[in-house]
Amino acid sequence: MLSQAGEQFCLIGGLAVQRWGEPGVTRDIDLTLLCPFGHEAAAADRLFSALTPRIAGARDFAFRNPVLLLWAGDGIVIDVALGSLPFEARCVRRASDWEIAPGVVLRICSAEDLVVL
């Protein structure tokens, strides 16, 4: 969804650990979505058009805590960090694609950035 929409993002957290660390199970999705200061509302609205907010007032929460708390259609928890800092921009630029199955590609942060995160 994000790739097709031309969004600049990368997966972080447990999915990144799957690539760069020990295989294991994760039950959530953590990602950084580049979102310049002042554009939080537009980013939230784009994501809310495809995903369900996890809490009442999720939009206002995101303005105070730059993270959107969402549910995927299958009940998976998604935390979207609205990245606006230079480190977050570099993290997204340094991310690379990881084909986890034929035709299934995930954009994952670098191992070095995962350590910092």
PDB file of N, CA and C in Angstrom:
ATOM      1  N   MET A   1       0.816  -1.183   0.000  1.00  0.00           N
ATOM      2  CA  MET A   1       0.000   0.000   0.000  1.00  0.00           C
ATOM      3  C   MET A   1       0.868   1.257   0.000  1.00  0.00           C
ATOM      4  N   LEU A   2       1.832   1.351   0.920  1.00  0.00           N
ATOM      5  CA  LEU A   2       2.668   2.542   1.008  1.00  0.00           C
ATOM      6  C   LEU A   2       3.578   2.689  -0.204  1.00  0.00           C
ATOM      7  N   SER A   3       4.152   1.588  -0.650  1.00  0.00           N
ATOM      8  CA  SER A   3       5.033   1.645  -1.822  1.00  0.00           C
ATOM      9  C   SER A   3       4.260   2.108  -3.051  1.00  0.00           C
ATOM     10  N   GLN A   4       3.075   1.543  -3.255  1.00  0.00           N
ATOM     11  CA  GLN A   4       2.272   1.910  -4.428  1.00  0.00           C
ATOM     12  C   GLN A   4       1.854   3.374  -4.383  1.00  0.00           C
ATOM     13  N   ALA A   5       1.698   3.922  -3.174  1.00  0.00           N
ATOM     14  CA  ALA A   5       1.298   5.322  -3.025  1.00  0.00           C
ATOM     15  C   ALA A   5       2.485   6.279  -3.108  1.00  0.00           C
ATOM     16  N   GLY A   6       3.692   5.741  -3.270  1.00  0.00           N
ATOM     17  CA  GLY A   6       4.874   6.584  -3.374  1.00  0.00           C
ATOM     18  C   GLY A   6       5.346   7.156  -2.047  1.00  0.00           C
ATOM     19  N   GLU A   7       4.899   6.584  -0.950  1.00  0.00           N
ATOM     20  CA  GLU A   7       5.311   7.051   0.378  1.00  0.00           C
ATOM     21  C   GLU A   7       6.765   6.661   0.630  1.00  0.00           C
ATOM     22  N   GLN A   8       7.456   7.476   1.403  1.00  0.00           N
ATOM     23  CA  GLN A   8       8.833   7.187   1.810  1.00  0.00           C
ATOM     24  C   GLN A   8       8.775   6.622   3.219  1.00  0.00           C
ATOM     25  N   PHE A   9       9.179   5.366   3.380  1.00  0.00           N
ATOM     26  CA  PHE A   9       9.035   4.676   4.651  1.00  0.00           C
ATOM     27  C   PHE A   9      10.026   3.528   4.733  1.00  0.00           C
ATOM     28  N   CYS A  10      10.139   2.963   5.922  1.00  0.00           N
ATOM     29  CA  CYS A  10      10.846   1.696   6.094  1.00  0.00           C
ATOM     30  C   CYS A  10      10.307   1.006   7.335  1.00  0.00           C
ATOM     31  N   LEU A  11      10.377  -0.308   7.306  1.00  0.00           N
ATOM     32  CA  LEU A  11       9.971  -1.109   8.450  1.00  0.00           C
ATOM     33  C   LEU A  11      11.092  -1.129   9.470  1.00  0.00           C
ATOM     34  N   ILE A  12      10.703  -1.065  10.729  1.00  0.00           N
ATOM     35  CA  ILE A  12      11.653  -1.094  11.839  1.00  0.00           C
ATOM     36  C   ILE A  12      11.144  -2.144  12.831  1.00  0.00           C
ATOM     37  N   GLY A  13      11.735  -2.255  13.968  1.00  0.00           N
ATOM     38  CA  GLY A  13      11.215  -3.148  14.998  1.00  0.00           C
ATOM     39  C   GLY A  13      11.386  -4.620  14.675  1.00  0.00           C
ATOM     40  N   GLY A  14      10.396  -5.416  15.075  1.00  0.00           N
ATOM     41  CA  GLY A  14      10.486  -6.868  14.981  1.00  0.00           C
ATOM     42  C   GLY A  14      10.713  -7.404  13.584  1.00  0.00           C
ATOM     43  N   LEU A  15      10.116  -6.782  12.577  1.00  0.00           N
ATOM     44  CA  LEU A  15      10.332  -7.265  11.204  1.00  0.00           C
ATOM     45  C   LEU A  15      11.768  -7.016  10.758  1.00  0.00           C
ATOM     46  N   ALA A  16      12.337  -5.893  11.178  1.00  0.00           N
ATOM     47  CA  ALA A  16      13.741  -5.629  10.842  1.00  0.00           C
ATOM     48  C   ALA A  16      14.655  -6.619  11.564  1.00  0.00           C
ATOM     49  N   VAL A  17      14.311  -6.963  12.789  1.00  0.00           N
ATOM     50  CA  VAL A  17      15.097  -7.950  13.536  1.00  0.00           C
ATOM     51  C   VAL A  17      15.070  -9.294  12.812  1.00  0.00           C
ATOM     52  N   GLN A  18      13.949  -9.623  12.168  1.00  0.00           N
ATOM     53  CA  GLN A  18      13.862 -10.869  11.400  1.00  0.00           C
ATOM     54  C   GLN A  18      14.935 -10.922  10.322  1.00  0.00           C
ATOM     55  N   ARG A  19      15.194  -9.783   9.708  1.00  0.00           N
ATOM     56  CA  ARG A  19      16.196  -9.742   8.646  1.00  0.00           C
ATOM     57  C   ARG A  19      17.618  -9.708   9.190  1.00  0.00           C
ATOM     58  N   TRP A  20      17.859  -8.847  10.167  1.00  0.00           N
ATOM     59  CA  TRP A  20      19.226  -8.591  10.600  1.00  0.00           C
ATOM     60  C   TRP A  20      19.639  -9.327  11.870  1.00  0.00           C
ATOM     61  N   GLY A  21      18.700  -9.928  12.566  1.00  0.00           N
ATOM     62  CA  GLY A  21      19.023 -10.576  13.827  1.00  0.00           C
ATOM     63  C   GLY A  21      18.580 -12.020  13.845  1.00  0.00           C
ATOM     64  N   GLU A  22      18.031 -12.423  14.946  1.00  0.00           N
ATOM     65  CA  GLU A  22      17.571 -13.795  15.139  1.00  0.00           C
ATOM     66  C   GLU A  22      16.148 -13.967  14.626  1.00  0.00           C
ATOM     67  N   PRO A  23      15.881 -15.048  13.884  1.00  0.00           N
ATOM     68  CA  PRO A  23      14.503 -15.319  13.469  1.00  0.00           C
ATOM     69  C   PRO A  23      13.620 -15.505  14.699  1.00  0.00           C
ATOM     70  N   GLY A  24      12.428 -15.026  14.611  1.00  0.00           N
ATOM     71  CA  GLY A  24      11.481 -15.143  15.720  1.00  0.00           C
ATOM     72  C   GLY A  24      10.090 -14.767  15.243  1.00  0.00           C
ATOM     73  N   VAL A  25       9.201 -14.616  16.167  1.00  0.00           N
ATOM     74  CA  VAL A  25       7.820 -14.283  15.849  1.00  0.00           C
ATOM     75  C   VAL A  25       7.525 -12.873  16.345  1.00  0.00           C
ATOM     76  N   THR A  26       6.889 -12.091  15.521  1.00  0.00           N
ATOM     77  CA  THR A  26       6.416 -10.777  15.928  1.00  0.00           C
ATOM     78  C   THR A  26       4.943 -10.679  15.572  1.00  0.00           C
ATOM     79  N   ARG A  27       4.188  -9.986  16.388  1.00  0.00           N
ATOM     80  CA  ARG A  27       2.749  -9.885  16.167  1.00  0.00           C
ATOM     81  C   ARG A  27       2.327  -8.460  15.848  1.00  0.00           C
ATOM     82  N   ASP A  28       3.305  -7.616  15.528  1.00  0.00           N
ATOM     83  CA  ASP A  28       2.973  -6.246  15.175  1.00  0.00           C
ATOM     84  C   ASP A  28       3.878  -5.767  14.048  1.00  0.00           C
ATOM     85  N   ILE A  29       3.531  -4.608  13.523  1.00  0.00           N
ATOM     86  CA  ILE A  29       4.313  -3.986  12.455  1.00  0.00           C
ATOM     87  C   ILE A  29       4.686  -2.590  12.939  1.00  0.00           C
ATOM     88  N   ASP A  30       5.979  -2.294  12.911  1.00  0.00           N
ATOM     89  CA  ASP A  30       6.484  -0.972  13.272  1.00  0.00           C
ATOM     90  C   ASP A  30       7.155  -0.387  12.048  1.00  0.00           C
ATOM     91  N   LEU A  31       6.830   0.861  11.737  1.00  0.00           N
ATOM     92  CA  LEU A  31       7.476   1.497  10.597  1.00  0.00           C
ATOM     93  C   LEU A  31       7.614   2.979  10.814  1.00  0.00           C
ATOM     94  N   THR A  32       8.543   3.557  10.077  1.00  0.00           N
ATOM     95  CA  THR A  32       8.730   5.000  10.047  1.00  0.00           C
ATOM     96  C   THR A  32       8.249   5.492   8.689  1.00  0.00           C
ATOM     97  N   LEU A  33       7.366   6.472   8.714  1.00  0.00           N
ATOM     98  CA  LEU A  33       6.855   7.123   7.509  1.00  0.00           C
ATOM     99  C   LEU A  33       7.355   8.556   7.533  1.00  0.00           C
ATOM    100  N   LEU A  34       8.099   8.956   6.499  1.00  0.00           N
ATOM    101  CA  LEU A  34       8.560  10.342   6.464  1.00  0.00           C
ATOM    102  C   LEU A  34       7.374  11.276   6.384  1.00  0.00           C
ATOM    103  N   CYS A  35       7.383  12.260   7.270  1.00  0.00           N
ATOM    104  CA  CYS A  35       6.270  13.206   7.368  1.00  0.00           C
ATOM    105  C   CYS A  35       6.825  14.519   7.906  1.00  0.00           C
ATOM    106  N   PRO A  36       7.070  15.481   7.029  1.00  0.00           N
ATOM    107  CA  PRO A  36       7.609  16.755   7.505  1.00  0.00           C
ATOM    108  C   PRO A  36       6.679  17.410   8.534  1.00  0.00           C
ATOM    109  N   PHE A  37       7.289  18.174   9.451  1.00  0.00           N
ATOM    110  CA  PHE A  37       6.492  18.909  10.428  1.00  0.00           C
ATOM    111  C   PHE A  37       5.396  19.699   9.705  1.00  0.00           C
ATOM    112  N   GLY A  38       4.201  19.673  10.255  1.00  0.00           N
ATOM    113  CA  GLY A  38       3.082  20.396   9.672  1.00  0.00           C
ATOM    114  C   GLY A  38       2.251  19.583   8.695  1.00  0.00           C
ATOM    115  N   HIS A  39       2.712  18.377   8.332  1.00  0.00           N
ATOM    116  CA  HIS A  39       1.984  17.541   7.381  1.00  0.00           C
ATOM    117  C   HIS A  39       1.377  16.296   8.047  1.00  0.00           C
ATOM    118  N   GLU A  40       1.320  16.298   9.370  1.00  0.00           N
ATOM    119  CA  GLU A  40       0.807  15.138  10.106  1.00  0.00           C
ATOM    120  C   GLU A  40      -0.647  14.828   9.760  1.00  0.00           C
ATOM    121  N   ALA A  41      -1.470  15.845   9.622  1.00  0.00           N
ATOM    122  CA  ALA A  41      -2.898  15.626   9.337  1.00  0.00           C
ATOM    123  C   ALA A  41      -3.089  14.924   7.998  1.00  0.00           C
ATOM    124  N   ALA A  42      -2.370  15.360   6.995  1.00  0.00           N
ATOM    125  CA  ALA A  42      -2.490  14.740   5.673  1.00  0.00           C
ATOM    126  C   ALA A  42      -2.021  13.294   5.710  1.00  0.00           C
ATOM    127  N   ALA A  43      -0.915  13.036   6.408  1.00  0.00           N
ATOM    128  CA  ALA A  43      -0.420  11.658   6.520  1.00  0.00           C
ATOM    129  C   ALA A  43      -1.427  10.787   7.255  1.00  0.00           C
ATOM    130  N   ALA A  44      -1.966  11.299   8.351  1.00  0.00           N
ATOM    131  CA  ALA A  44      -2.966  10.539   9.110  1.00  0.00           C
ATOM    132  C   ALA A  44      -4.173  10.227   8.241  1.00  0.00           C
ATOM    133  N   ASP A  45      -4.664  11.208   7.526  1.00  0.00           N
ATOM    134  CA  ASP A  45      -5.845  10.990   6.679  1.00  0.00           C
ATOM    135  C   ASP A  45      -5.575   9.950   5.596  1.00  0.00           C
ATOM    136  N   ARG A  46      -4.380   9.980   4.990  1.00  0.00           N
ATOM    137  CA  ARG A  46      -4.049   8.974   3.967  1.00  0.00           C
ATOM    138  C   ARG A  46      -4.084   7.569   4.571  1.00  0.00           C
ATOM    139  N   LEU A  47      -3.504   7.410   5.755  1.00  0.00           N
ATOM    140  CA  LEU A  47      -3.465   6.088   6.380  1.00  0.00           C
ATOM    141  C   LEU A  47      -4.841   5.667   6.890  1.00  0.00           C
ATOM    142  N   PHE A  48      -5.612   6.605   7.436  1.00  0.00           N
ATOM    143  CA  PHE A  48      -6.954   6.268   7.930  1.00  0.00           C
ATOM    144  C   PHE A  48      -7.888   5.862   6.792  1.00  0.00           C
ATOM    145  N   SER A  49      -7.567   6.244   5.562  1.00  0.00           N
ATOM    146  CA  SER A  49      -8.414   5.838   4.434  1.00  0.00           C
ATOM    147  C   SER A  49      -8.260   4.349   4.130  1.00  0.00           C
ATOM    148  N   ALA A  50      -7.167   3.744   4.602  1.00  0.00           N
ATOM    149  CA  ALA A  50      -6.920   2.329   4.315  1.00  0.00           C
ATOM    150  C   ALA A  50      -6.861   1.455   5.561  1.00  0.00           C
ATOM    151  N   LEU A  51      -6.598   2.056   6.718  1.00  0.00           N
ATOM    152  CA  LEU A  51      -6.420   1.293   7.962  1.00  0.00           C
ATOM    153  C   LEU A  51      -7.307   1.875   9.060  1.00  0.00           C
ATOM    154  N   THR A  52      -7.565   1.081  10.081  1.00  0.00           N
ATOM    155  CA  THR A  52      -8.462   1.473  11.165  1.00  0.00           C
ATOM    156  C   THR A  52      -7.672   2.014  12.352  1.00  0.00           C
ATOM    157  N   PRO A  53      -8.060   3.181  12.877  1.00  0.00           N
ATOM    158  CA  PRO A  53      -7.408   3.679  14.093  1.00  0.00           C
ATOM    159  C   PRO A  53      -7.602   2.689  15.242  1.00  0.00           C
ATOM    160  N   ARG A  54      -6.587   2.564  16.074  1.00  0.00           N
ATOM    161  CA  ARG A  54      -6.631   1.620  17.184  1.00  0.00           C
ATOM    162  C   ARG A  54      -7.222   2.232  18.449  1.00  0.00           C
ATOM    163  N   ILE A  55      -7.222   3.549  18.537  1.00  0.00           N
ATOM    164  CA  ILE A  55      -7.765   4.223  19.711  1.00  0.00           C
ATOM    165  C   ILE A  55      -8.663   5.363  19.264  1.00  0.00           C
ATOM    166  N   ALA A  56      -9.592   5.740  20.134  1.00  0.00           N
ATOM    167  CA  ALA A  56     -10.393   6.938  19.872  1.00  0.00           C
ATOM    168  C   ALA A  56      -9.446   8.134  19.928  1.00  0.00           C
ATOM    169  N   GLY A  57      -9.631   9.084  19.041  1.00  0.00           N
ATOM    170  CA  GLY A  57      -8.770  10.255  19.023  1.00  0.00           C
ATOM    171  C   GLY A  57      -7.376   9.986  18.499  1.00  0.00           C
ATOM    172  N   ALA A  58      -7.232   8.973  17.638  1.00  0.00           N
ATOM    173  CA  ALA A  58      -5.911   8.595  17.127  1.00  0.00           C
ATOM    174  C   ALA A  58      -5.233   9.746  16.382  1.00  0.00           C
ATOM    175  N   ARG A  59      -6.011  10.550  15.699  1.00  0.00           N
ATOM    176  CA  ARG A  59      -5.440  11.672  14.946  1.00  0.00           C
ATOM    177  C   ARG A  59      -4.813  12.685  15.901  1.00  0.00           C
ATOM    178  N   ASP A  60      -5.551  13.077  16.951  1.00  0.00           N
ATOM    179  CA  ASP A  60      -5.021  14.020  17.934  1.00  0.00           C
ATOM    180  C   ASP A  60      -3.822  13.428  18.677  1.00  0.00           C
ATOM    181  N   PHE A  61      -3.890  12.139  18.987  1.00  0.00           N
ATOM    182  CA  PHE A  61      -2.769  11.457  19.646  1.00  0.00           C
ATOM    183  C   PHE A  61      -1.511  11.578  18.792  1.00  0.00           C
ATOM    184  N   ALA A  62      -1.663  11.416  17.481  1.00  0.00           N
ATOM    185  CA  ALA A  62      -0.518  11.490  16.569  1.00  0.00           C
ATOM    186  C   ALA A  62       0.099  12.888  16.550  1.00  0.00           C
ATOM    187  N   PHE A  63      -0.714  13.920  16.731  1.00  0.00           N
ATOM    188  CA  PHE A  63      -0.171  15.275  16.761  1.00  0.00           C
ATOM    189  C   PHE A  63       0.670  15.506  18.015  1.00  0.00           C
ATOM    190  N   ARG A  64       0.292  14.881  19.107  1.00  0.00           N
ATOM    191  CA  ARG A  64       1.021  15.054  20.373  1.00  0.00           C
ATOM    192  C   ARG A  64       2.224  14.120  20.482  1.00  0.00           C
ATOM    193  N   ASN A  65       2.167  12.945  19.848  1.00  0.00           N
ATOM    194  CA  ASN A  65       3.168  11.894  20.066  1.00  0.00           C
ATOM    195  C   ASN A  65       3.782  11.346  18.796  1.00  0.00           C
ATOM    196  N   PRO A  66       3.882  12.024  17.723  1.00  0.00           N
ATOM    197  CA  PRO A  66       4.108  11.616  16.344  1.00  0.00           C
ATOM    198  C   PRO A  66       4.104  10.112  16.020  1.00  0.00           C
ATOM    199  N   VAL A  67       3.051   9.427  16.443  1.00  0.00           N
ATOM    200  CA  VAL A  67       2.872   8.017  16.063  1.00  0.00           C
ATOM    201  C   VAL A  67       1.382   7.762  15.850  1.00  0.00           C
ATOM    202  N   LEU A  68       1.087   7.056  14.764  1.00  0.00           N
ATOM    203  CA  LEU A  68      -0.296   6.638  14.482  1.00  0.00           C
ATOM    204  C   LEU A  68      -0.459   5.199  14.946  1.00  0.00           C
ATOM    205  N   LEU A  69      -1.485   4.959  15.738  1.00  0.00           N
ATOM    206  CA  LEU A  69      -1.773   3.625  16.260  1.00  0.00           C
ATOM    207  C   LEU A  69      -2.917   3.047  15.436  1.00  0.00           C
ATOM    208  N   LEU A  70      -2.617   1.981  14.681  1.00  0.00           N
ATOM    209  CA  LEU A  70      -3.564   1.449  13.695  1.00  0.00           C
ATOM    210  C   LEU A  70      -3.751  -0.055  13.847  1.00  0.00           C
ATOM    211  N   TRP A  71      -4.830  -0.544  13.236  1.00  0.00           N
ATOM    212  CA  TRP A  71      -5.080  -1.978  13.051  1.00  0.00           C
ATOM    213  C   TRP A  71      -5.020  -2.267  11.557  1.00  0.00           C
ATOM    214  N   ALA A  72      -4.424  -3.386  11.187  1.00  0.00           N
ATOM    215  CA  ALA A  72      -4.519  -3.873   9.811  1.00  0.00           C
ATOM    216  C   ALA A  72      -5.855  -4.593   9.685  1.00  0.00           C
ATOM    217  N   GLY A  73      -6.271  -4.877   8.481  1.00  0.00           N
ATOM    218  CA  GLY A  73      -7.540  -5.553   8.261  1.00  0.00           C
ATOM    219  C   GLY A  73      -7.627  -6.911   8.936  1.00  0.00           C
ATOM    220  N   ASP A  74      -6.500  -7.544   9.195  1.00  0.00           N
ATOM    221  CA  ASP A  74      -6.488  -8.871   9.812  1.00  0.00           C
ATOM    222  C   ASP A  74      -6.250  -8.812  11.316  1.00  0.00           C
ATOM    223  N   GLY A  75      -6.363  -7.625  11.912  1.00  0.00           N
ATOM    224  CA  GLY A  75      -6.198  -7.477  13.346  1.00  0.00           C
ATOM    225  C   GLY A  75      -4.780  -7.286  13.818  1.00  0.00           C
ATOM    226  N   ILE A  76      -3.832  -7.192  12.905  1.00  0.00           N
ATOM    227  CA  ILE A  76      -2.430  -6.963  13.273  1.00  0.00           C
ATOM    228  C   ILE A  76      -2.264  -5.505  13.717  1.00  0.00           C
ATOM    229  N   VAL A  77      -1.530  -5.301  14.797  1.00  0.00           N
ATOM    230  CA  VAL A  77      -1.240  -3.969  15.314  1.00  0.00           C
ATOM    231  C   VAL A  77      -0.165  -3.314  14.445  1.00  0.00           C
ATOM    232  N   ILE A  78      -0.396  -2.042  14.093  1.00  0.00           N
ATOM    233  CA  ILE A  78       0.575  -1.276  13.303  1.00  0.00           C
ATOM    234  C   ILE A  78       0.861   0.030  14.029  1.00  0.00           C
ATOM    235  N   ASP A  79       2.141   0.296  14.288  1.00  0.00           N
ATOM    236  CA  ASP A  79       2.572   1.572  14.857  1.00  0.00           C
ATOM    237  C   ASP A  79       3.372   2.302  13.792  1.00  0.00           C
ATOM    238  N   VAL A  80       2.871   3.467  13.379  1.00  0.00           N
ATOM    239  CA  VAL A  80       3.526   4.253  12.339  1.00  0.00           C
ATOM    240  C   VAL A  80       4.140   5.494  12.973  1.00  0.00           C
ATOM    241  N   ALA A  81       5.461   5.529  13.049  1.00  0.00           N
ATOM    242  CA  ALA A  81       6.165   6.713  13.537  1.00  0.00           C
ATOM    243  C   ALA A  81       6.197   7.731  12.405  1.00  0.00           C
ATOM    244  N   LEU A  82       5.718   8.933  12.683  1.00  0.00           N
ATOM    245  CA  LEU A  82       5.733  10.002  11.692  1.00  0.00           C
ATOM    246  C   LEU A  82       7.098  10.678  11.777  1.00  0.00           C
ATOM    247  N   GLY A  83       7.989  10.272  10.893  1.00  0.00           N
ATOM    248  CA  GLY A  83       9.385  10.700  10.945  1.00  0.00           C
ATOM    249  C   GLY A  83       9.620  12.034  10.288  1.00  0.00           C
ATOM    250  N   SER A  84      10.192  12.958  11.043  1.00  0.00           N
ATOM    251  CA  SER A  84      10.496  14.278  10.488  1.00  0.00           C
ATOM    252  C   SER A  84      11.920  14.741  10.828  1.00  0.00           C
ATOM    253  N   LEU A  85      12.616  13.962  11.626  1.00  0.00           N
ATOM    254  CA  LEU A  85      13.974  14.334  12.022  1.00  0.00           C
ATOM    255  C   LEU A  85      14.992  13.902  10.966  1.00  0.00           C
ATOM    256  N   PRO A  86      16.128  14.577  10.893  1.00  0.00           N
ATOM    257  CA  PRO A  86      17.152  14.186   9.910  1.00  0.00           C
ATOM    258  C   PRO A  86      17.561  12.716  10.030  1.00  0.00           C
ATOM    259  N   PHE A  87      17.697  12.202  11.258  1.00  0.00           N
ATOM    260  CA  PHE A  87      18.052  10.778  11.405  1.00  0.00           C
ATOM    261  C   PHE A  87      16.997   9.892  10.752  1.00  0.00           C
ATOM    262  N   GLU A  88      15.729  10.216  10.931  1.00  0.00           N
ATOM    263  CA  GLU A  88      14.664   9.395  10.348  1.00  0.00           C
ATOM    264  C   GLU A  88      14.702   9.445   8.831  1.00  0.00           C
ATOM    265  N   ALA A  89      14.989  10.605   8.268  1.00  0.00           N
ATOM    266  CA  ALA A  89      15.116  10.722   6.809  1.00  0.00           C
ATOM    267  C   ALA A  89      16.286   9.875   6.306  1.00  0.00           C
ATOM    268  N   ARG A  90      17.414   9.915   7.013  1.00  0.00           N
ATOM    269  CA  ARG A  90      18.565   9.083   6.618  1.00  0.00           C
ATOM    270  C   ARG A  90      18.236   7.606   6.754  1.00  0.00           C
ATOM    271  N   CYS A  91      17.529   7.254   7.790  1.00  0.00           N
ATOM    272  CA  CYS A  91      17.133   5.860   8.016  1.00  0.00           C
ATOM    273  C   CYS A  91      16.298   5.345   6.839  1.00  0.00           C
ATOM    274  N   VAL A  92      15.357   6.132   6.398  1.00  0.00           N
ATOM    275  CA  VAL A  92      14.501   5.732   5.269  1.00  0.00           C
ATOM    276  C   VAL A  92      15.330   5.660   3.990  1.00  0.00           C
ATOM    277  N   ARG A  93      16.221   6.618   3.774  1.00  0.00           N
ATOM    278  CA  ARG A  93      17.072   6.593   2.573  1.00  0.00           C
ATOM    279  C   ARG A  93      17.973   5.370   2.546  1.00  0.00           C
ATOM    280  N   ARG A  94      18.492   4.951   3.708  1.00  0.00           N
ATOM    281  CA  ARG A  94      19.408   3.812   3.768  1.00  0.00           C
ATOM    282  C   ARG A  94      18.703   2.464   3.760  1.00  0.00           C
ATOM    283  N   ALA A  95      17.386   2.452   3.890  1.00  0.00           N
ATOM    284  CA  ALA A  95      16.643   1.190   3.914  1.00  0.00           C
ATOM    285  C   ALA A  95      16.806   0.459   2.583  1.00  0.00           C
ATOM    286  N   SER A  96      16.637  -0.850   2.647  1.00  0.00           N
ATOM    287  CA  SER A  96      16.748  -1.658   1.424  1.00  0.00           C
ATOM    288  C   SER A  96      15.620  -2.678   1.380  1.00  0.00           C
ATOM    289  N   ASP A  97      15.363  -3.163   0.179  1.00  0.00           N
ATOM    290  CA  ASP A  97      14.308  -4.146  -0.009  1.00  0.00           C
ATOM    291  C   ASP A  97      14.787  -5.533   0.382  1.00  0.00           C
ATOM    292  N   TRP A  98      13.894  -6.306   0.959  1.00  0.00           N
ATOM    293  CA  TRP A  98      14.162  -7.679   1.386  1.00  0.00           C
ATOM    294  C   TRP A  98      13.030  -8.564   0.874  1.00  0.00           C
ATOM    295  N   GLU A  99      13.362  -9.483  -0.002  1.00  0.00           N
ATOM    296  CA  GLU A  99      12.352 -10.403  -0.535  1.00  0.00           C
ATOM    297  C   GLU A  99      12.231 -11.578   0.429  1.00  0.00           C
ATOM    298  N   ILE A 100      11.128 -11.605   1.181  1.00  0.00           N
ATOM    299  CA  ILE A 100      10.955 -12.655   2.193  1.00  0.00           C
ATOM    300  C   ILE A 100      10.297 -13.901   1.630  1.00  0.00           C
ATOM    301  N   ALA A 101       9.667 -13.763   0.484  1.00  0.00           N
ATOM    302  CA  ALA A 101       9.056 -14.873  -0.242  1.00  0.00           C
ATOM    303  C   ALA A 101       8.959 -14.416  -1.696  1.00  0.00           C
ATOM    304  N   PRO A 102       8.822 -15.331  -2.636  1.00  0.00           N
ATOM    305  CA  PRO A 102       8.726 -14.907  -4.033  1.00  0.00           C
ATOM    306  C   PRO A 102       7.618 -13.865  -4.228  1.00  0.00           C
ATOM    307  N   GLY A 103       8.034 -12.691  -4.709  1.00  0.00           N
ATOM    308  CA  GLY A 103       7.084 -11.618  -4.976  1.00  0.00           C
ATOM    309  C   GLY A 103       6.662 -10.818  -3.753  1.00  0.00           C
ATOM    310  N   VAL A 104       7.183 -11.131  -2.564  1.00  0.00           N
ATOM    311  CA  VAL A 104       6.846 -10.399  -1.338  1.00  0.00           C
ATOM    312  C   VAL A 104       8.102  -9.658  -0.873  1.00  0.00           C
ATOM    313  N   VAL A 105       8.087  -8.337  -1.049  1.00  0.00           N
ATOM    314  CA  VAL A 105       9.258  -7.516  -0.747  1.00  0.00           C
ATOM    315  C   VAL A 105       8.892  -6.520   0.349  1.00  0.00           C
ATOM    316  N   LEU A 106       9.757  -6.459   1.367  1.00  0.00           N
ATOM    317  CA  LEU A 106       9.575  -5.511   2.463  1.00  0.00           C
ATOM    318  C   LEU A 106      10.724  -4.509   2.448  1.00  0.00           C
ATOM    319  N   ARG A 107      10.420  -3.252   2.703  1.00  0.00           N
ATOM    320  CA  ARG A 107      11.448  -2.199   2.792  1.00  0.00           C
ATOM    321  C   ARG A 107      11.883  -2.116   4.250  1.00  0.00           C
ATOM    322  N   ILE A 108      13.126  -2.528   4.545  1.00  0.00           N
ATOM    323  CA  ILE A 108      13.617  -2.687   5.909  1.00  0.00           C
ATOM    324  C   ILE A 108      14.751  -1.696   6.180  1.00  0.00           C
ATOM    325  N   CYS A 109      14.772  -1.133   7.391  1.00  0.00           N
ATOM    326  CA  CYS A 109      15.868  -0.248   7.773  1.00  0.00           C
ATOM    327  C   CYS A 109      17.184  -1.028   7.775  1.00  0.00           C
ATOM    328  N   SER A 110      18.288  -0.306   7.729  1.00  0.00           N
ATOM    329  CA  SER A 110      19.597  -0.957   7.750  1.00  0.00           C
ATOM    330  C   SER A 110      19.861  -1.552   9.129  1.00  0.00           C
ATOM    331  N   ALA A 111      20.777  -2.493   9.196  1.00  0.00           N
ATOM    332  CA  ALA A 111      21.152  -3.098  10.465  1.00  0.00           C
ATOM    333  C   ALA A 111      21.701  -2.038  11.426  1.00  0.00           C
ATOM    334  N   GLU A 112      22.502  -1.115  10.905  1.00  0.00           N
ATOM    335  CA  GLU A 112      23.071  -0.057  11.756  1.00  0.00           C
ATOM    336  C   GLU A 112      21.984   0.830  12.340  1.00  0.00           C
ATOM    337  N   ASP A 113      20.991   1.181  11.525  1.00  0.00           N
ATOM    338  CA  ASP A 113      19.902   2.017  12.024  1.00  0.00           C
ATOM    339  C   ASP A 113      19.022   1.255  13.016  1.00  0.00           C
ATOM    340  N   LEU A 114      18.860  -0.032  12.801  1.00  0.00           N
ATOM    341  CA  LEU A 114      18.085  -0.842  13.734  1.00  0.00           C
ATOM    342  C   LEU A 114      18.727  -0.805  15.119  1.00  0.00           C
ATOM    343  N   VAL A 115      20.067  -0.860  15.172  1.00  0.00           N
ATOM    344  CA  VAL A 115      20.759  -0.795  16.476  1.00  0.00           C
ATOM    345  C   VAL A 115      20.452   0.544  17.158  1.00  0.00           C
ATOM    346  N   VAL A 116      20.472   1.632  16.410  1.00  0.00           N
ATOM    347  CA  VAL A 116      20.193   2.945  16.978  1.00  0.00           C
ATOM    348  C   VAL A 116      18.739   3.032  17.427  1.00  0.00           C
ATOM    349  N   LEU A 117      17.835   2.517  16.613  1.00  0.00           N
ATOM    350  CA  LEU A 117      16.425   2.559  16.955  1.00  0.00           C
ATOM    351  C   LEU A 117      16.132   1.730  18.184  1.00  0.00           C
TER     352      LEU A 117
END
